[in-house]
C-alpha cells in the first residue's frame, strides 16, 4: 500500500528541487520533515507542503499509521518551459527560459 502526492506546474527549476529530494529519499516522515524545515532552499517550502499532503492522504485515504511511514520514492520531472525575451544591446534579444517542475512524493509503510 502506498500514498502519493503530486505537485504540478511549479515555477521552480527541477535541478533545484532535486537537491532537496535527495536529502529526504528513504527517510522516515518525521525525519524527512525535520530535514526539509532546516534546509535553506527555495524548494523546501514547497516540499514541506507536499509531504504534509502525502501524510494526510496516507492517513485519511489508506488508513496507514503515521509513525511507520517513510519516503519510498520522490522524483521531479521537468514541466513546460516558459520562454521569455530579455532586451539586450543594439536591438538584440536574449531568450530566458523559466523552467517548471512536476514533483511526485510516494510514502509507504514499513513492514
PDB file of N, CA and C in Angstrom:
ATOM      1  N   UNK A   1       0.844  -1.187   0.000  1.00  0.00           N
ATOM      2  CA  UNK A   1       0.000   0.000   0.000  1.00  0.00           C
ATOM      3  C   UNK A   1       0.887   1.247   0.000  1.00  0.00           C
ATOM      4  N   UNK A   2       0.520   2.202  -0.799  1.00  0.00           N
ATOM      5  CA  UNK A   2       1.311   3.439  -0.871  1.00  0.00           C
ATOM      6  C   UNK A   2       0.385   4.643  -1.001  1.00  0.00           C
ATOM      7  N   UNK A   3       0.898   5.782  -0.541  1.00  0.00           N
ATOM      8  CA  UNK A   3       0.167   7.046  -0.648  1.00  0.00           C
ATOM      9  C   UNK A   3       0.999   8.002  -1.482  1.00  0.00           C
ATOM     10  N   UNK A   4       0.341   8.662  -2.414  1.00  0.00           N
ATOM     11  CA  UNK A   4       1.051   9.567  -3.314  1.00  0.00           C
ATOM     12  C   UNK A   4       0.534  10.984  -3.168  1.00  0.00           C
ATOM     13  N   UNK A   5       1.417  11.928  -3.492  1.00  0.00           N
ATOM     14  CA  UNK A   5       1.018  13.329  -3.594  1.00  0.00           C
ATOM     15  C   UNK A   5       1.787  13.933  -4.758  1.00  0.00           C
ATOM     16  N   UNK A   6       1.109  14.766  -5.528  1.00  0.00           N
ATOM     17  CA  UNK A   6       1.715  15.399  -6.703  1.00  0.00           C
ATOM     18  C   UNK A   6       1.683  16.910  -6.558  1.00  0.00           C
ATOM     19  N   UNK A   7       2.688  17.539  -7.126  1.00  0.00           N
ATOM     20  CA  UNK A   7       2.713  18.998  -7.216  1.00  0.00           C
ATOM     21  C   UNK A   7       3.120  19.301  -8.647  1.00  0.00           C
ATOM     22  N   UNK A   8       2.214  19.885  -9.411  1.00  0.00           N
ATOM     23  CA  UNK A   8       2.454  20.065 -10.843  1.00  0.00           C
ATOM     24  C   UNK A   8       2.562  21.540 -11.219  1.00  0.00           C
ATOM     25  N   UNK A   9       3.309  21.793 -12.280  1.00  0.00           N
ATOM     26  CA  UNK A   9       3.488  23.132 -12.854  1.00  0.00           C
ATOM     27  C   UNK A   9       4.027  24.140 -11.841  1.00  0.00           C
ATOM     28  N   UNK A  10       4.968  23.709 -11.006  1.00  0.00           N
ATOM     29  CA  UNK A  10       5.566  24.597 -10.009  1.00  0.00           C
ATOM     30  C   UNK A  10       6.646  25.421 -10.688  1.00  0.00           C
ATOM     31  N   UNK A  11       6.666  26.743 -10.419  1.00  0.00           N
ATOM     32  CA  UNK A  11       7.623  27.630 -11.091  1.00  0.00           C
ATOM     33  C   UNK A  11       8.977  27.618 -10.363  1.00  0.00           C
ATOM     34  N   UNK A  12       9.643  26.468 -10.419  1.00  0.00           N
ATOM     35  CA  UNK A  12      10.992  26.327  -9.884  1.00  0.00           C
ATOM     36  C   UNK A  12      11.694  25.288 -10.754  1.00  0.00           C
ATOM     37  N   UNK A  13      12.974  25.482 -10.990  1.00  0.00           N
ATOM     38  CA  UNK A  13      13.722  24.585 -11.868  1.00  0.00           C
ATOM     39  C   UNK A  13      13.864  23.200 -11.227  1.00  0.00           C
ATOM     40  N   UNK A  14      13.756  22.131 -12.018  1.00  0.00           N
ATOM     41  CA  UNK A  14      13.844  20.771 -11.473  1.00  0.00           C
ATOM     42  C   UNK A  14      15.159  20.483 -10.753  1.00  0.00           C
ATOM     43  N   UNK A  15      16.265  21.039 -11.220  1.00  0.00           N
ATOM     44  CA  UNK A  15      17.563  20.741 -10.591  1.00  0.00           C
ATOM     45  C   UNK A  15      17.646  21.327  -9.180  1.00  0.00           C
ATOM     46  N   UNK A  16      16.900  22.393  -8.911  1.00  0.00           N
ATOM     47  CA  UNK A  16      16.876  22.976  -7.569  1.00  0.00           C
ATOM     48  C   UNK A  16      16.067  22.107  -6.609  1.00  0.00           C
ATOM     49  N   UNK A  17      14.999  21.490  -7.136  1.00  0.00           N
ATOM     50  CA  UNK A  17      14.158  20.622  -6.316  1.00  0.00           C
ATOM     51  C   UNK A  17      14.886  19.309  -6.029  1.00  0.00           C
ATOM     52  N   UNK A  18      15.617  18.800  -7.000  1.00  0.00           N
ATOM     53  CA  UNK A  18      16.299  17.507  -6.887  1.00  0.00           C
ATOM     54  C   UNK A  18      17.292  17.484  -5.728  1.00  0.00           C
ATOM     55  N   UNK A  19      17.924  18.617  -5.435  1.00  0.00           N
ATOM     56  CA  UNK A  19      18.888  18.714  -4.336  1.00  0.00           C
ATOM     57  C   UNK A  19      18.222  18.359  -3.012  1.00  0.00           C
ATOM     58  N   UNK A  20      17.031  18.896  -2.767  1.00  0.00           N
ATOM     59  CA  UNK A  20      16.331  18.648  -1.502  1.00  0.00           C
ATOM     60  C   UNK A  20      15.719  17.249  -1.495  1.00  0.00           C
ATOM     61  N   UNK A  21      15.234  16.777  -2.647  1.00  0.00           N
ATOM     62  CA  UNK A  21      14.643  15.437  -2.712  1.00  0.00           C
ATOM     63  C   UNK A  21      15.674  14.361  -2.380  1.00  0.00           C
ATOM     64  N   UNK A  22      16.924  14.567  -2.805  1.00  0.00           N
ATOM     65  CA  UNK A  22      17.979  13.590  -2.499  1.00  0.00           C
ATOM     66  C   UNK A  22      18.227  13.474  -0.998  1.00  0.00           C
ATOM     67  N   UNK A  23      17.951  14.544  -0.253  1.00  0.00           N
ATOM     68  CA  UNK A  23      18.161  14.519   1.196  1.00  0.00           C
ATOM     69  C   UNK A  23      17.099  13.696   1.931  1.00  0.00           C
ATOM     70  N   UNK A  24      15.864  13.681   1.406  1.00  0.00           N
ATOM     71  CA  UNK A  24      14.771  13.033   2.143  1.00  0.00           C
ATOM     72  C   UNK A  24      14.414  11.642   1.628  1.00  0.00           C
ATOM     73  N   UNK A  25      15.017  11.192   0.541  1.00  0.00           N
ATOM     74  CA  UNK A  25      14.693   9.877  -0.017  1.00  0.00           C
ATOM     75  C   UNK A  25      15.027   8.770   0.985  1.00  0.00           C
ATOM     76  N   UNK A  26      14.103   7.805   1.165  1.00  0.00           N
ATOM     77  CA  UNK A  26      14.231   6.656   2.073  1.00  0.00           C
ATOM     78  C   UNK A  26      14.342   7.042   3.549  1.00  0.00           C
ATOM     79  N   UNK A  27      13.828   8.200   3.929  1.00  0.00           N
ATOM     80  CA  UNK A  27      13.837   8.634   5.336  1.00  0.00           C
ATOM     81  C   UNK A  27      12.439   8.472   5.934  1.00  0.00           C
ATOM     82  N   UNK A  28      12.350   8.229   7.249  1.00  0.00           N
ATOM     83  CA  UNK A  28      11.029   8.251   7.904  1.00  0.00           C
ATOM     84  C   UNK A  28      10.424   9.651   7.781  1.00  0.00           C
ATOM     85  N   UNK A  29       9.097   9.748   7.803  1.00  0.00           N
ATOM     86  CA  UNK A  29       8.444  11.034   7.525  1.00  0.00           C
ATOM     87  C   UNK A  29       8.797  12.113   8.550  1.00  0.00           C
ATOM     88  N   UNK A  30       8.941  11.741   9.843  1.00  0.00           N
ATOM     89  CA  UNK A  30       9.273  12.761  10.835  1.00  0.00           C
ATOM     90  C   UNK A  30      10.679  13.312  10.620  1.00  0.00           C
ATOM     91  N   UNK A  31      11.619  12.437  10.247  1.00  0.00           N
ATOM     92  CA  UNK A  31      12.990  12.882   9.955  1.00  0.00           C
ATOM     93  C   UNK A  31      13.022  13.700   8.663  1.00  0.00           C
ATOM     94  N   UNK A  32      12.251  13.257   7.666  1.00  0.00           N
ATOM     95  CA  UNK A  32      12.185  13.983   6.389  1.00  0.00           C
ATOM     96  C   UNK A  32      11.634  15.389   6.589  1.00  0.00           C
ATOM     97  N   UNK A  33      10.612  15.516   7.450  1.00  0.00           N
ATOM     98  CA  UNK A  33      10.025  16.830   7.732  1.00  0.00           C
ATOM     99  C   UNK A  33      11.044  17.732   8.424  1.00  0.00           C
ATOM    100  N   UNK A  34      11.818  17.167   9.354  1.00  0.00           N
ATOM    101  CA  UNK A  34      12.849  17.941  10.056  1.00  0.00           C
ATOM    102  C   UNK A  34      13.935  18.400   9.090  1.00  0.00           C
ATOM    103  N   UNK A  35      14.327  17.519   8.171  1.00  0.00           N
ATOM    104  CA  UNK A  35      15.351  17.868   7.177  1.00  0.00           C
ATOM    105  C   UNK A  35      14.858  19.014   6.300  1.00  0.00           C
ATOM    106  N   UNK A  36      13.608  18.918   5.838  1.00  0.00           N
ATOM    107  CA  UNK A  36      13.041  19.957   4.967  1.00  0.00           C
ATOM    108  C   UNK A  36      12.955  21.292   5.702  1.00  0.00           C
ATOM    109  N   UNK A  37      12.510  21.262   6.961  1.00  0.00           N
ATOM    110  CA  UNK A  37      12.355  22.500   7.740  1.00  0.00           C
ATOM    111  C   UNK A  37      13.689  23.223   7.946  1.00  0.00           C
ATOM    112  N   UNK A  38      14.783  22.468   8.049  1.00  0.00           N
ATOM    113  CA  UNK A  38      16.090  23.063   8.345  1.00  0.00           C
ATOM    114  C   UNK A  38      16.997  23.176   7.125  1.00  0.00           C
ATOM    115  N   UNK A  39      16.449  23.015   5.932  1.00  0.00           N
ATOM    116  CA  UNK A  39      17.226  23.176   4.702  1.00  0.00           C
ATOM    117  C   UNK A  39      16.893  24.525   4.075  1.00  0.00           C
ATOM    118  N   UNK A  40      17.877  25.415   3.970  1.00  0.00           N
ATOM    119  CA  UNK A  40      17.592  26.764   3.448  1.00  0.00           C
ATOM    120  C   UNK A  40      17.568  26.817   1.919  1.00  0.00           C
ATOM    121  N   UNK A  41      16.607  26.160   1.318  1.00  0.00           N
ATOM    122  CA  UNK A  41      16.455  26.161  -0.134  1.00  0.00           C
ATOM    123  C   UNK A  41      15.039  26.608  -0.485  1.00  0.00           C
ATOM    124  N   UNK A  42      14.878  27.146  -1.690  1.00  0.00           N
ATOM    125  CA  UNK A  42      13.565  27.620  -2.138  1.00  0.00           C
ATOM    126  C   UNK A  42      12.571  26.469  -2.253  1.00  0.00           C
ATOM    127  N   UNK A  43      13.057  25.281  -2.599  1.00  0.00           N
ATOM    128  CA  UNK A  43      12.174  24.124  -2.787  1.00  0.00           C
ATOM    129  C   UNK A  43      11.650  23.570  -1.469  1.00  0.00           C
ATOM    130  N   UNK A  44      12.287  23.908  -0.350  1.00  0.00           N
ATOM    131  CA  UNK A  44      11.907  23.337   0.942  1.00  0.00           C
ATOM    132  C   UNK A  44      10.475  23.679   1.331  1.00  0.00           C
ATOM    133  N   UNK A  45      10.079  24.915   1.079  1.00  0.00           N
ATOM    134  CA  UNK A  45       8.726  25.347   1.420  1.00  0.00           C
ATOM    135  C   UNK A  45       7.681  24.542   0.642  1.00  0.00           C
ATOM    136  N   UNK A  46       7.926  24.339  -0.643  1.00  0.00           N
ATOM    137  CA  UNK A  46       7.002  23.572  -1.484  1.00  0.00           C
ATOM    138  C   UNK A  46       6.954  22.107  -1.049  1.00  0.00           C
ATOM    139  N   UNK A  47       8.120  21.537  -0.754  1.00  0.00           N
ATOM    140  CA  UNK A  47       8.184  20.124  -0.395  1.00  0.00           C
ATOM    141  C   UNK A  47       7.592  19.854   0.985  1.00  0.00           C
ATOM    142  N   UNK A  48       7.663  20.824   1.884  1.00  0.00           N
ATOM    143  CA  UNK A  48       7.045  20.665   3.195  1.00  0.00           C
ATOM    144  C   UNK A  48       5.539  20.524   3.040  1.00  0.00           C
ATOM    145  N   UNK A  49       4.952  21.378   2.216  1.00  0.00           N
ATOM    146  CA  UNK A  49       3.516  21.337   1.953  1.00  0.00           C
ATOM    147  C   UNK A  49       3.128  20.016   1.272  1.00  0.00           C
ATOM    148  N   UNK A  50       3.963  19.573   0.332  1.00  0.00           N
ATOM    149  CA  UNK A  50       3.692  18.329  -0.396  1.00  0.00           C
ATOM    150  C   UNK A  50       3.784  17.122   0.533  1.00  0.00           C
ATOM    151  N   UNK A  51       4.772  17.105   1.424  1.00  0.00           N
ATOM    152  CA  UNK A  51       4.926  15.999   2.366  1.00  0.00           C
ATOM    153  C   UNK A  51       3.741  15.934   3.333  1.00  0.00           C
ATOM    154  N   UNK A  52       3.277  17.100   3.803  1.00  0.00           N
ATOM    155  CA  UNK A  52       2.101  17.129   4.675  1.00  0.00           C
ATOM    156  C   UNK A  52       0.878  16.569   3.944  1.00  0.00           C
ATOM    157  N   UNK A  53       0.746  16.886   2.671  1.00  0.00           N
ATOM    158  CA  UNK A  53      -0.366  16.390   1.864  1.00  0.00           C
ATOM    159  C   UNK A  53      -0.286  14.874   1.701  1.00  0.00           C
ATOM    160  N   UNK A  54       0.932  14.356   1.452  1.00  0.00           N
ATOM    161  CA  UNK A  54       1.113  12.912   1.291  1.00  0.00           C
ATOM    162  C   UNK A  54       0.792  12.172   2.590  1.00  0.00           C
ATOM    163  N   UNK A  55       1.190  12.751   3.731  1.00  0.00           N
ATOM    164  CA  UNK A  55       0.894  12.146   5.034  1.00  0.00           C
ATOM    165  C   UNK A  55      -0.623  12.121   5.265  1.00  0.00           C
ATOM    166  N   UNK A  56      -1.289  13.226   4.945  1.00  0.00           N
ATOM    167  CA  UNK A  56      -2.748  13.292   5.092  1.00  0.00           C
ATOM    168  C   UNK A  56      -3.438  12.275   4.188  1.00  0.00           C
ATOM    169  N   UNK A  57      -2.940  12.119   2.960  1.00  0.00           N
ATOM    170  CA  UNK A  57      -3.502  11.117   2.047  1.00  0.00           C
ATOM    171  C   UNK A  57      -3.353   9.714   2.627  1.00  0.00           C
ATOM    172  N   UNK A  58      -2.178   9.430   3.198  1.00  0.00           N
ATOM    173  CA  UNK A  58      -1.913   8.102   3.761  1.00  0.00           C
ATOM    174  C   UNK A  58      -2.854   7.811   4.922  1.00  0.00           C
ATOM    175  N   UNK A  59      -3.035   8.793   5.807  1.00  0.00           N
ATOM    176  CA  UNK A  59      -3.869   8.582   6.995  1.00  0.00           C
ATOM    177  C   UNK A  59      -5.354   8.497   6.653  1.00  0.00           C
ATOM    178  N   UNK A  60      -5.825   9.424   5.823  1.00  0.00           N
ATOM    179  CA  UNK A  60      -7.264   9.531   5.573  1.00  0.00           C
ATOM    180  C   UNK A  60      -7.778   8.598   4.475  1.00  0.00           C
ATOM    181  N   UNK A  61      -6.992   8.415   3.419  1.00  0.00           N
ATOM    182  CA  UNK A  61      -7.479   7.619   2.280  1.00  0.00           C
ATOM    183  C   UNK A  61      -7.094   6.146   2.366  1.00  0.00           C
ATOM    184  N   UNK A  62      -5.945   5.853   3.023  1.00  0.00           N
ATOM    185  CA  UNK A  62      -5.439   4.474   3.024  1.00  0.00           C
ATOM    186  C   UNK A  62      -5.345   3.873   4.423  1.00  0.00           C
ATOM    187  N   UNK A  63      -5.776   4.618   5.458  1.00  0.00           N
ATOM    188  CA  UNK A  63      -5.739   4.143   6.851  1.00  0.00           C
ATOM    189  C   UNK A  63      -4.362   3.627   7.259  1.00  0.00           C
ATOM    190  N   UNK A  64      -3.323   4.349   6.901  1.00  0.00           N
ATOM    191  CA  UNK A  64      -1.954   3.965   7.253  1.00  0.00           C
ATOM    192  C   UNK A  64      -1.545   4.666   8.548  1.00  0.00           C
ATOM    193  N   UNK A  65      -0.614   4.036   9.276  1.00  0.00           N
ATOM    194  CA  UNK A  65      -0.125   4.580  10.533  1.00  0.00           C
ATOM    195  C   UNK A  65       0.988   5.595  10.259  1.00  0.00           C
ATOM    196  N   UNK A  66       0.858   6.800  10.788  1.00  0.00           N
ATOM    197  CA  UNK A  66       1.820   7.872  10.512  1.00  0.00           C
ATOM    198  C   UNK A  66       3.222   7.538  11.009  1.00  0.00           C
ATOM    199  N   UNK A  67       3.310   6.818  12.152  1.00  0.00           N
ATOM    200  CA  UNK A  67       4.618   6.514  12.741  1.00  0.00           C
ATOM    201  C   UNK A  67       5.451   5.553  11.891  1.00  0.00           C
ATOM    202  N   UNK A  68       4.792   4.724  11.081  1.00  0.00           N
ATOM    203  CA  UNK A  68       5.532   3.730  10.298  1.00  0.00           C
ATOM    204  C   UNK A  68       5.732   4.141   8.838  1.00  0.00           C
ATOM    205  N   UNK A  69       5.424   5.395   8.501  1.00  0.00           N
ATOM    206  CA  UNK A  69       5.576   5.850   7.113  1.00  0.00           C
ATOM    207  C   UNK A  69       7.010   6.291   6.828  1.00  0.00           C
ATOM    208  N   UNK A  70       7.434   6.060   5.588  1.00  0.00           N
ATOM    209  CA  UNK A  70       8.716   6.582   5.117  1.00  0.00           C
ATOM    210  C   UNK A  70       8.589   6.998   3.651  1.00  0.00           C
ATOM    211  N   UNK A  71       9.521   7.834   3.203  1.00  0.00           N
ATOM    212  CA  UNK A  71       9.511   8.335   1.829  1.00  0.00           C
ATOM    213  C   UNK A  71      10.149   7.271   0.940  1.00  0.00           C
ATOM    214  N   UNK A  72       9.342   6.487   0.247  1.00  0.00           N
ATOM    215  CA  UNK A  72       9.882   5.394  -0.572  1.00  0.00           C
ATOM    216  C   UNK A  72      10.359   5.887  -1.932  1.00  0.00           C
ATOM    217  N   UNK A  73       9.622   6.814  -2.508  1.00  0.00           N
ATOM    218  CA  UNK A  73      10.002   7.372  -3.813  1.00  0.00           C
ATOM    219  C   UNK A  73       9.784   8.866  -3.779  1.00  0.00           C
ATOM    220  N   UNK A  74      10.680   9.595  -4.408  1.00  0.00           N
ATOM    221  CA  UNK A  74      10.440  11.021  -4.641  1.00  0.00           C
ATOM    222  C   UNK A  74      11.254  11.418  -5.858  1.00  0.00           C
ATOM    223  N   UNK A  75      10.599  12.050  -6.794  1.00  0.00           N
ATOM    224  CA  UNK A  75      11.303  12.458  -8.008  1.00  0.00           C
ATOM    225  C   UNK A  75      10.668  13.706  -8.594  1.00  0.00           C
ATOM    226  N   UNK A  76      11.418  14.341  -9.460  1.00  0.00           N
ATOM    227  CA  UNK A  76      10.939  15.557 -10.123  1.00  0.00           C
ATOM    228  C   UNK A  76      11.142  15.399 -11.621  1.00  0.00           C
ATOM    229  N   UNK A  77      10.144  15.811 -12.381  1.00  0.00           N
ATOM    230  CA  UNK A  77      10.219  15.794 -13.842  1.00  0.00           C
ATOM    231  C   UNK A  77      10.055  17.233 -14.333  1.00  0.00           C
ATOM    232  N   UNK A  78      10.726  17.582 -15.424  1.00  0.00           N
ATOM    233  CA  UNK A  78      10.550  18.942 -15.945  1.00  0.00           C
ATOM    234  C   UNK A  78       9.159  19.133 -16.540  1.00  0.00           C
ATOM    235  N   UNK A  79       8.552  20.269 -16.230  1.00  0.00           N
ATOM    236  CA  UNK A  79       7.271  20.637 -16.819  1.00  0.00           C
ATOM    237  C   UNK A  79       7.520  21.500 -18.043  1.00  0.00           C
ATOM    238  N   UNK A  80       6.488  22.160 -18.543  1.00  0.00           N
ATOM    239  CA  UNK A  80       6.680  23.047 -19.694  1.00  0.00           C
ATOM    240  C   UNK A  80       7.547  24.251 -19.324  1.00  0.00           C
ATOM    241  N   UNK A  81       8.359  24.685 -20.264  1.00  0.00           N
ATOM    242  CA  UNK A  81       9.255  25.814 -20.039  1.00  0.00           C
ATOM    243  C   UNK A  81       8.635  27.075 -20.623  1.00  0.00           C
ATOM    244  N   UNK A  82       8.569  28.130 -19.814  1.00  0.00           N
ATOM    245  CA  UNK A  82       8.064  29.412 -20.289  1.00  0.00           C
ATOM    246  C   UNK A  82       9.205  30.159 -20.959  1.00  0.00           C
ATOM    247  N   UNK A  83       9.005  30.589 -22.204  1.00  0.00           N
ATOM    248  CA  UNK A  83      10.046  31.313 -22.931  1.00  0.00           C
ATOM    249  C   UNK A  83       9.782  32.809 -22.837  1.00  0.00           C
ATOM    250  N   UNK A  84      10.785  33.549 -22.376  1.00  0.00           N
ATOM    251  CA  UNK A  84      10.680  34.994 -22.230  1.00  0.00           C
ATOM    252  C   UNK A  84      11.843  35.661 -22.954  1.00  0.00           C
ATOM    253  N   UNK A  85      11.689  36.941 -23.254  1.00  0.00           N
ATOM    254  CA  UNK A  85      12.702  37.686 -24.005  1.00  0.00           C
ATOM    255  C   UNK A  85      13.318  38.741 -23.100  1.00  0.00           C
ATOM    256  N   UNK A  86      14.654  38.849 -23.143  1.00  0.00           N
ATOM    257  CA  UNK A  86      15.387  39.874 -22.404  1.00  0.00           C
ATOM    258  C   UNK A  86      16.012  40.818 -23.427  1.00  0.00           C
ATOM    259  N   UNK A  87      15.620  42.089 -23.433  1.00  0.00           N
ATOM    260  CA  UNK A  87      16.222  43.039 -24.374  1.00  0.00           C
ATOM    261  C   UNK A  87      17.707  43.233 -24.068  1.00  0.00           C
ATOM    262  N   UNK A  88      18.528  43.278 -25.123  1.00  0.00           N
ATOM    263  CA  UNK A  88      19.971  43.455 -24.963  1.00  0.00           C
ATOM    264  C   UNK A  88      20.441  44.615 -25.843  1.00  0.00           C
ATOM    265  N   UNK A  89      21.715  44.850 -25.818  1.00  0.00           N
ATOM    266  CA  UNK A  89      22.278  45.998 -26.534  1.00  0.00           C
ATOM    267  C   UNK A  89      22.090  45.881 -28.043  1.00  0.00           C
ATOM    268  N   UNK A  90      21.989  47.023 -28.705  1.00  0.00           N
ATOM    269  CA  UNK A  90      21.916  47.151 -30.165  1.00  0.00           C
ATOM    270  C   UNK A  90      20.725  46.380 -30.759  1.00  0.00           C
ATOM    271  N   UNK A  91      19.600  46.390 -30.060  1.00  0.00           N
ATOM    272  CA  UNK A  91      18.375  45.814 -30.596  1.00  0.00           C
ATOM    273  C   UNK A  91      18.295  44.308 -30.556  1.00  0.00           C
ATOM    274  N   UNK A  92      19.256  43.659 -29.917  1.00  0.00           N
ATOM    275  CA  UNK A  92      19.215  42.202 -29.834  1.00  0.00           C
ATOM    276  C   UNK A  92      18.266  41.770 -28.713  1.00  0.00           C
ATOM    277  N   UNK A  93      17.918  40.499 -28.741  1.00  0.00           N
ATOM    278  CA  UNK A  93      17.074  39.947 -27.681  1.00  0.00           C
ATOM    279  C   UNK A  93      17.633  38.582 -27.300  1.00  0.00           C
ATOM    280  N   UNK A  94      17.834  38.373 -25.987  1.00  0.00           N
ATOM    281  CA  UNK A  94      18.266  37.073 -25.486  1.00  0.00           C
ATOM    282  C   UNK A  94      17.062  36.361 -24.899  1.00  0.00           C
ATOM    283  N   UNK A  95      17.049  35.052 -25.038  1.00  0.00           N
ATOM    284  CA  UNK A  95      15.936  34.263 -24.523  1.00  0.00           C
ATOM    285  C   UNK A  95      16.201  33.852 -23.076  1.00  0.00           C
ATOM    286  N   UNK A  96      15.167  33.965 -22.242  1.00  0.00           N
ATOM    287  CA  UNK A  96      15.219  33.484 -20.865  1.00  0.00           C
ATOM    288  C   UNK A  96      14.264  32.312 -20.756  1.00  0.00           C
ATOM    289  N   UNK A  97      14.737  31.189 -20.183  1.00  0.00           N
ATOM    290  CA  UNK A  97      13.906  30.005 -20.002  1.00  0.00           C
ATOM    291  C   UNK A  97      13.478  29.913 -18.547  1.00  0.00           C
ATOM    292  N   UNK A  98      12.180  30.071 -18.310  1.00  0.00           N
ATOM    293  CA  UNK A  98      11.649  29.947 -16.952  1.00  0.00           C
ATOM    294  C   UNK A  98      11.097  28.532 -16.815  1.00  0.00           C
ATOM    295  N   UNK A  99      11.835  27.709 -16.100  1.00  0.00           N
ATOM    296  CA  UNK A  99      11.519  26.288 -16.043  1.00  0.00           C
ATOM    297  C   UNK A  99      10.470  25.974 -14.976  1.00  0.00           C
ATOM    298  N   UNK A 100       9.682  24.923 -15.242  1.00  0.00           N
ATOM    299  CA  UNK A 100       8.680  24.467 -14.278  1.00  0.00           C
ATOM    300  C   UNK A 100       8.947  22.997 -13.945  1.00  0.00           C
ATOM    301  N   UNK A 101       8.335  22.529 -12.860  1.00  0.00           N
ATOM    302  CA  UNK A 101       8.578  21.172 -12.379  1.00  0.00           C
ATOM    303  C   UNK A 101       7.276  20.459 -12.052  1.00  0.00           C
ATOM    304  N   UNK A 102       7.314  19.128 -12.176  1.00  0.00           N
ATOM    305  CA  UNK A 102       6.266  18.244 -11.679  1.00  0.00           C
ATOM    306  C   UNK A 102       6.931  17.375 -10.609  1.00  0.00           C
ATOM    307  N   UNK A 103       6.477  17.504  -9.346  1.00  0.00           N
ATOM    308  CA  UNK A 103       7.101  16.777  -8.237  1.00  0.00           C
ATOM    309  C   UNK A 103       6.154  15.678  -7.762  1.00  0.00           C
ATOM    310  N   UNK A 104       6.700  14.482  -7.542  1.00  0.00           N
ATOM    311  CA  UNK A 104       5.924  13.341  -7.049  1.00  0.00           C
ATOM    312  C   UNK A 104       6.572  12.812  -5.776  1.00  0.00           C
ATOM    313  N   UNK A 105       5.739  12.534  -4.762  1.00  0.00           N
ATOM    314  CA  UNK A 105       6.208  12.019  -3.482  1.00  0.00           C
ATOM    315  C   UNK A 105       5.380  10.778  -3.136  1.00  0.00           C
ATOM    316  N   UNK A 106       6.037   9.660  -2.852  1.00  0.00           N
ATOM    317  CA  UNK A 106       5.353   8.407  -2.535  1.00  0.00           C
ATOM    318  C   UNK A 106       5.756   7.956  -1.133  1.00  0.00           C
ATOM    319  N   UNK A 107       4.766   7.685  -0.285  1.00  0.00           N
ATOM    320  CA  UNK A 107       5.012   7.193   1.068  1.00  0.00           C
ATOM    321  C   UNK A 107       4.547   5.748   1.177  1.00  0.00           C
ATOM    322  N   UNK A 108       5.323   4.913   1.894  1.00  0.00           N
ATOM    323  CA  UNK A 108       4.941   3.524   2.176  1.00  0.00           C
ATOM    324  C   UNK A 108       5.097   3.248   3.653  1.00  0.00           C
ATOM    325  N   UNK A 109       4.459   2.159   4.095  1.00  0.00           N
ATOM    326  CA  UNK A 109       4.576   1.722   5.488  1.00  0.00           C
ATOM    327  C   UNK A 109       5.691   0.705   5.613  1.00  0.00           C
ATOM    328  N   UNK A 110       6.457   0.814   6.698  1.00  0.00           N
ATOM    329  CA  UNK A 110       7.469  -0.210   6.981  1.00  0.00           C
ATOM    330  C   UNK A 110       6.781  -1.471   7.460  1.00  0.00           C
ATOM    331  N   UNK A 111       7.323  -2.603   7.035  1.00  0.00           N
ATOM    332  CA  UNK A 111       6.732  -3.883   7.446  1.00  0.00           C
ATOM    333  C   UNK A 111       7.170  -4.219   8.860  1.00  0.00           C
TER     334      UNK A 111
END
